[in-house]
Amino acid sequence: MKKLALGLVALSLTITACQKGQTATQELPEEEINRGYQVYKTTCAKCHWETVTPEKMKQIREYRMKYGKPPFGGPPMSEISARVKK
């Protein structure tokens, strides 16, 4: 009985998460996108690079393994996006 209850809870959480994901992917107005980008440029870009190619990310990881500190203040925004999506 406990397994059935846990299974139903897991199923309902999965369905809820999928529904929330659908609303998050809806198109935003261009004005909001531009405002968000301006916030990034004035605040986040000081430490976080906007985009990094996979080859460059590999070089950064190797550099970090060697010297312990990345060549920037925070991870690139593409890496943050990938982490959030996971």
C-alpha atoms as a PDB file:
ATOM      1  CA  MET A   1       0.000   0.000   0.000  1.00  0.00           C
ATOM      2  CA  LYS A   2       2.879   2.357   0.822  1.00  0.00           C
ATOM      3  CA  LYS A   3       4.444   1.693  -2.570  1.00  0.00           C
ATOM      4  CA  LEU A   4       1.179   2.553  -4.299  1.00  0.00           C
ATOM      5  CA  ALA A   5       0.853   5.786  -2.320  1.00  0.00           C
ATOM      6  CA  LEU A   6       4.449   6.758  -3.065  1.00  0.00           C
ATOM      7  CA  GLY A   7       3.939   5.957  -6.727  1.00  0.00           C
ATOM      8  CA  LEU A   8       0.855   8.183  -6.898  1.00  0.00           C
ATOM      9  CA  VAL A   9       2.696  11.021  -5.160  1.00  0.00           C
ATOM     10  CA  ALA A  10       5.630  10.695  -7.571  1.00  0.00           C
ATOM     11  CA  LEU A  11       3.262  10.648 -10.545  1.00  0.00           C
ATOM     12  CA  SER A  12       1.403  13.741  -9.380  1.00  0.00           C
ATOM     13  CA  LEU A  13       4.666  15.602  -8.764  1.00  0.00           C
ATOM     14  CA  THR A  14       5.875  14.679 -12.247  1.00  0.00           C
ATOM     15  CA  ILE A  15       2.666  15.901 -13.854  1.00  0.00           C
ATOM     16  CA  THR A  16       2.786  19.141 -11.859  1.00  0.00           C
ATOM     17  CA  ALA A  17       6.422  19.740 -12.844  1.00  0.00           C
ATOM     18  CA  CYS A  18       5.605  19.160 -16.513  1.00  0.00           C
ATOM     19  CA  GLN A  19       2.736  21.622 -16.378  1.00  0.00           C
ATOM     20  CA  LYS A  20       4.919  24.255 -14.742  1.00  0.00           C
ATOM     21  CA  GLY A  21       7.587  23.712 -17.398  1.00  0.00           C
ATOM     22  CA  GLN A  22       5.060  24.412 -20.132  1.00  0.00           C
ATOM     23  CA  THR A  23       4.129  27.800 -18.704  1.00  0.00           C
ATOM     24  CA  ALA A  24       7.788  28.731 -18.267  1.00  0.00           C
ATOM     25  CA  THR A  25       8.521  28.217 -21.967  1.00  0.00           C
ATOM     26  CA  GLN A  26       5.836  30.591 -23.214  1.00  0.00           C
ATOM     27  CA  GLU A  27       7.056  33.529 -25.263  1.00  0.00           C
ATOM     28  CA  LEU A  28       7.868  36.699 -23.350  1.00  0.00           C
ATOM     29  CA  PRO A  29       7.204  40.152 -24.752  1.00  0.00           C
ATOM     30  CA  GLU A  30      10.226  41.655 -26.502  1.00  0.00           C
ATOM     31  CA  GLU A  31      10.246  44.539 -24.014  1.00  0.00           C
ATOM     32  CA  GLU A  32      10.693  42.177 -21.044  1.00  0.00           C
ATOM     33  CA  ILE A  33      13.485  40.309 -22.807  1.00  0.00           C
ATOM     34  CA  ASN A  34      15.309  43.576 -23.487  1.00  0.00           C
ATOM     35  CA  ARG A  35      14.881  44.731 -19.876  1.00  0.00           C
ATOM     36  CA  GLY A  36      16.237  41.422 -18.608  1.00  0.00           C
ATOM     37  CA  TYR A  37      19.204  41.640 -20.955  1.00  0.00           C
ATOM     38  CA  GLN A  38      19.976  45.158 -19.719  1.00  0.00           C
ATOM     39  CA  VAL A  39      19.950  43.882 -16.129  1.00  0.00           C
ATOM     40  CA  TYR A  40      22.377  41.138 -17.178  1.00  0.00           C
ATOM     41  CA  LYS A  41      24.666  43.640 -18.918  1.00  0.00           C
ATOM     42  CA  THR A  42      24.764  46.058 -15.977  1.00  0.00           C
ATOM     43  CA  THR A  43      24.887  43.537 -13.137  1.00  0.00           C
ATOM     44  CA  CYS A  44      25.728  39.959 -14.100  1.00  0.00           C
ATOM     45  CA  ALA A  45      28.178  40.514 -16.970  1.00  0.00           C
ATOM     46  CA  LYS A  46      30.798  41.758 -14.508  1.00  0.00           C
ATOM     47  CA  CYS A  47      31.404  38.157 -13.407  1.00  0.00           C
ATOM     48  CA  HIS A  48      29.479  35.893 -15.807  1.00  0.00           C
ATOM     49  CA  TRP A  49      30.333  35.554 -19.490  1.00  0.00           C
ATOM     50  CA  GLU A  50      27.305  35.500 -21.759  1.00  0.00           C
ATOM     51  CA  THR A  51      28.159  32.466 -23.895  1.00  0.00           C
ATOM     52  CA  VAL A  52      31.001  30.000 -24.062  1.00  0.00           C
ATOM     53  CA  THR A  53      31.653  27.413 -26.764  1.00  0.00           C
ATOM     54  CA  PRO A  54      32.019  23.785 -25.664  1.00  0.00           C
ATOM     55  CA  GLU A  55      35.701  23.903 -26.653  1.00  0.00           C
ATOM     56  CA  LYS A  56      36.272  26.997 -24.517  1.00  0.00           C
ATOM     57  CA  MET A  57      34.386  25.373 -21.609  1.00  0.00           C
ATOM     58  CA  LYS A  58      36.712  22.362 -21.868  1.00  0.00           C
ATOM     59  CA  GLN A  59      39.735  24.708 -21.701  1.00  0.00           C
ATOM     60  CA  ILE A  60      38.231  26.465 -18.673  1.00  0.00           C
ATOM     61  CA  ARG A  61      37.690  23.147 -16.880  1.00  0.00           C
ATOM     62  CA  GLU A  62      41.296  22.105 -17.603  1.00  0.00           C
ATOM     63  CA  TYR A  63      42.567  25.493 -16.380  1.00  0.00           C
ATOM     64  CA  ARG A  64      40.479  25.137 -13.228  1.00  0.00           C
ATOM     65  CA  MET A  65      41.826  21.627 -12.559  1.00  0.00           C
ATOM     66  CA  LYS A  66      45.361  22.953 -12.941  1.00  0.00           C
ATOM     67  CA  TYR A  67      45.129  26.234 -11.033  1.00  0.00           C
ATOM     68  CA  GLY A  68      42.006  25.797  -8.909  1.00  0.00           C
ATOM     69  CA  LYS A  69      40.354  29.053  -9.897  1.00  0.00           C
ATOM     70  CA  PRO A  70      38.465  29.832 -13.113  1.00  0.00           C
ATOM     71  CA  PRO A  71      39.491  32.850 -15.226  1.00  0.00           C
ATOM     72  CA  PHE A  72      36.222  34.649 -14.333  1.00  0.00           C
ATOM     73  CA  GLY A  73      34.147  35.488 -11.254  1.00  0.00           C
ATOM     74  CA  GLY A  74      31.264  33.120 -11.906  1.00  0.00           C
ATOM     75  CA  PRO A  75      30.216  30.396 -14.330  1.00  0.00           C
ATOM     76  CA  PRO A  76      29.143  31.424 -17.841  1.00  0.00           C
ATOM     77  CA  MET A  77      25.433  32.089 -18.273  1.00  0.00           C
ATOM     78  CA  SER A  78      25.146  29.121 -20.639  1.00  0.00           C
ATOM     79  CA  GLU A  79      26.344  26.845 -17.824  1.00  0.00           C
ATOM     80  CA  ILE A  80      23.918  28.429 -15.360  1.00  0.00           C
ATOM     81  CA  SER A  81      21.083  27.895 -17.844  1.00  0.00           C
ATOM     82  CA  ALA A  82      22.045  24.235 -18.271  1.00  0.00           C
ATOM     83  CA  ARG A  83      22.121  23.749 -14.489  1.00  0.00           C
ATOM     84  CA  VAL A  84      18.716  25.366 -14.043  1.00  0.00           C
ATOM     85  CA  LYS A  85      17.205  23.188 -16.771  1.00  0.00           C
ATOM     86  CA  LYS A  86      18.475  20.042 -15.033  1.00  0.00           C
END
